């Protein structure tokens, strides 16, 4: 609980950041419980995209249903964070993302012109960077 931020640099070059992970100081919740993990910070600005990677143990039946199998799966969840709150993104689509961004309907032409697909992480980050730069 003492470490609030972890920054990874490429080849000990502190001028560039490879990845930034932050502790859950925003009281983000998943399945009605506060998240105790670190989030990967995907962009900077007033509205941030946070990525949560969870490795969980999953059970499944064997082929004939006689034994249980246990294996690891990766669960990836996205959150939109602003100064006032951090919310889980339930659907990675245009409507699911723009719901959290006030006044975002003004940017529909920019979204169409730049061919933004909200299901793709890189496109979403590109839109959030633009949104943050215009909202200043």
Protein backbone atom coordinates (compact mmCIF):
# COMPACT_ATOMS: atom_id res chain seq x y z
CA UNK A 1 0.00 0.00 0.00
CA UNK A 2 3.01 2.30 0.18
CA UNK A 3 3.86 2.09 -3.52
CA UNK A 4 1.50 4.33 -5.52
CA UNK A 5 3.17 4.22 -8.93
CA UNK A 6 5.51 1.87 -10.81
CA UNK A 7 7.26 3.11 -13.96
CA UNK A 8 9.13 0.88 -16.39
CA UNK A 9 11.77 2.49 -18.62
CA UNK A 10 13.33 1.05 -21.76
CA UNK A 11 17.05 0.24 -21.38
CA UNK A 12 17.47 2.39 -18.27
CA UNK A 13 16.54 5.50 -20.29
CA UNK A 14 14.50 7.56 -17.84
CA UNK A 15 13.43 10.06 -20.51
CA UNK A 16 10.95 7.54 -21.99
CA UNK A 17 8.30 5.50 -20.24
CA UNK A 18 7.59 1.98 -21.42
CA UNK A 19 4.70 1.36 -19.01
CA UNK A 20 3.18 3.05 -15.97
CA UNK A 21 1.16 1.24 -13.32
CA UNK A 22 -0.76 3.05 -10.60
CA UNK A 23 -2.36 1.86 -7.39
CA UNK A 24 -6.12 2.02 -7.02
CA UNK A 25 -6.38 5.34 -5.20
CA UNK A 26 -9.63 6.17 -7.03
CA UNK A 27 -11.72 3.48 -5.29
CA UNK A 28 -12.52 1.70 -8.56
CA UNK A 29 -14.82 -1.27 -8.11
CA UNK A 30 -15.24 -4.53 -9.95
CA UNK A 31 -18.01 -7.00 -9.05
CA UNK A 32 -19.08 -4.63 -6.24
CA UNK A 33 -15.69 -4.93 -4.52
CA UNK A 34 -12.86 -2.44 -4.43
CA UNK A 35 -10.00 -3.44 -6.72
CA UNK A 36 -6.79 -4.16 -4.83
CA UNK A 37 -4.55 -4.40 -7.93
CA UNK A 38 -2.49 -1.96 -9.95
CA UNK A 39 -3.90 -0.44 -13.14
CA UNK A 40 -1.88 0.17 -16.26
CA UNK A 41 -2.15 3.84 -17.15
CA UNK A 42 -2.73 3.95 -20.90
CA UNK A 43 -2.73 7.75 -21.46
CA UNK A 44 -2.25 11.05 -19.66
CA UNK A 45 -4.76 13.83 -19.28
CA UNK A 46 -7.95 14.68 -17.46
CA UNK A 47 -9.69 11.54 -18.75
CA UNK A 48 -7.51 8.45 -18.43
CA UNK A 49 -7.90 4.93 -19.75
CA UNK A 50 -6.92 2.35 -17.13
CA UNK A 51 -6.34 -1.30 -17.96
CA UNK A 52 -6.68 -4.05 -15.38
CA UNK A 53 -5.09 -7.45 -16.04
CA UNK A 54 -6.27 -10.26 -13.79
CA UNK A 55 -5.01 -13.83 -13.86
CA UNK A 56 -7.71 -16.00 -12.36
CA UNK A 57 -8.09 -19.72 -11.77
CA UNK A 58 -10.96 -21.17 -13.77
CA UNK A 59 -12.50 -24.61 -13.49
CA UNK A 60 -13.90 -26.73 -16.25
CA UNK A 61 -15.11 -30.27 -16.71
CA UNK A 62 -13.05 -32.84 -18.53
CA UNK A 63 -14.23 -34.27 -21.83
CA UNK A 64 -16.56 -36.82 -20.21
CA UNK A 65 -17.42 -34.74 -17.14
CA UNK A 66 -15.66 -37.13 -14.75
CA UNK A 67 -12.98 -34.75 -13.49
CA UNK A 68 -12.54 -31.06 -13.02
CA UNK A 69 -9.74 -29.18 -14.74
CA UNK A 70 -8.15 -26.09 -13.22
CA UNK A 71 -6.38 -23.57 -15.42
CA UNK A 72 -5.46 -19.90 -15.56
CA UNK A 73 -7.29 -17.38 -17.72
CA UNK A 74 -6.62 -13.71 -18.26
CA UNK A 75 -9.37 -11.24 -17.60
CA UNK A 76 -8.89 -7.73 -19.02
CA UNK A 77 -11.11 -4.87 -17.90
CA UNK A 78 -10.97 -1.19 -18.85
CA UNK A 79 -11.85 1.83 -16.72
CA UNK A 80 -12.27 5.52 -17.56
CA UNK A 81 -10.94 7.77 -14.82
CA UNK A 82 -11.43 11.47 -14.27
CA UNK A 83 -10.93 13.71 -11.26
CA UNK A 84 -14.38 12.96 -9.92
CA UNK A 85 -14.74 9.19 -10.48
CA UNK A 86 -13.48 5.97 -11.99
CA UNK A 87 -15.98 3.84 -13.87
CA UNK A 88 -15.84 0.39 -15.41
CA UNK A 89 -16.26 0.34 -19.19
CA UNK A 90 -18.89 -2.34 -19.69
CA UNK A 91 -18.78 -2.36 -23.50
CA UNK A 92 -15.86 -1.39 -25.68
CA UNK A 93 -17.90 0.40 -28.32
CA UNK A 94 -18.68 3.99 -29.26
CA UNK A 95 -21.73 4.33 -27.02
CA UNK A 96 -20.06 2.60 -24.07
CA UNK A 97 -17.05 4.96 -24.14
CA UNK A 98 -18.71 8.28 -25.01
CA UNK A 99 -21.08 7.79 -22.08
CA UNK A 100 -18.25 8.77 -19.69
CA UNK A 101 -17.00 11.80 -21.65
CA UNK A 102 -19.10 14.97 -21.26
CA UNK A 103 -19.75 16.82 -24.51
CA UNK A 104 -18.21 14.06 -26.60
CA UNK A 105 -21.06 14.14 -29.12
CA UNK A 106 -19.38 17.26 -30.58
CA UNK A 107 -16.52 15.08 -31.88
CA UNK A 108 -18.52 12.69 -34.07
CA UNK A 109 -17.10 14.24 -37.23
CA UNK A 110 -13.53 13.87 -35.94
CA UNK A 111 -14.23 10.25 -34.99
CA UNK A 112 -15.55 9.49 -38.47
CA UNK A 113 -12.77 11.41 -40.24
CA UNK A 114 -10.04 9.59 -38.29
CA UNK A 115 -11.77 6.20 -38.56
CA UNK A 116 -11.80 5.56 -34.80
CA UNK A 117 -12.83 2.03 -33.83
CA UNK A 118 -13.57 2.06 -30.10
CA UNK A 119 -13.02 -1.71 -29.85
CA UNK A 120 -9.32 -1.15 -30.57
CA UNK A 121 -7.19 0.03 -27.68
CA UNK A 122 -4.88 2.18 -29.83
CA UNK A 123 -7.79 4.02 -31.45
CA UNK A 124 -9.41 4.63 -28.08
CA UNK A 125 -6.16 6.07 -26.69
CA UNK A 126 -5.81 8.28 -29.78
CA UNK A 127 -9.34 9.64 -29.27
CA UNK A 128 -8.80 10.23 -25.53
CA UNK A 129 -5.56 12.11 -26.25
CA UNK A 130 -7.42 14.31 -28.73
CA UNK A 131 -10.37 14.78 -26.36
CA UNK A 132 -8.05 15.77 -23.49
CA UNK A 133 -6.13 18.23 -25.67
CA UNK A 134 -9.31 19.96 -26.87
CA UNK A 135 -10.98 20.01 -23.42
CA UNK A 136 -8.10 22.02 -21.86
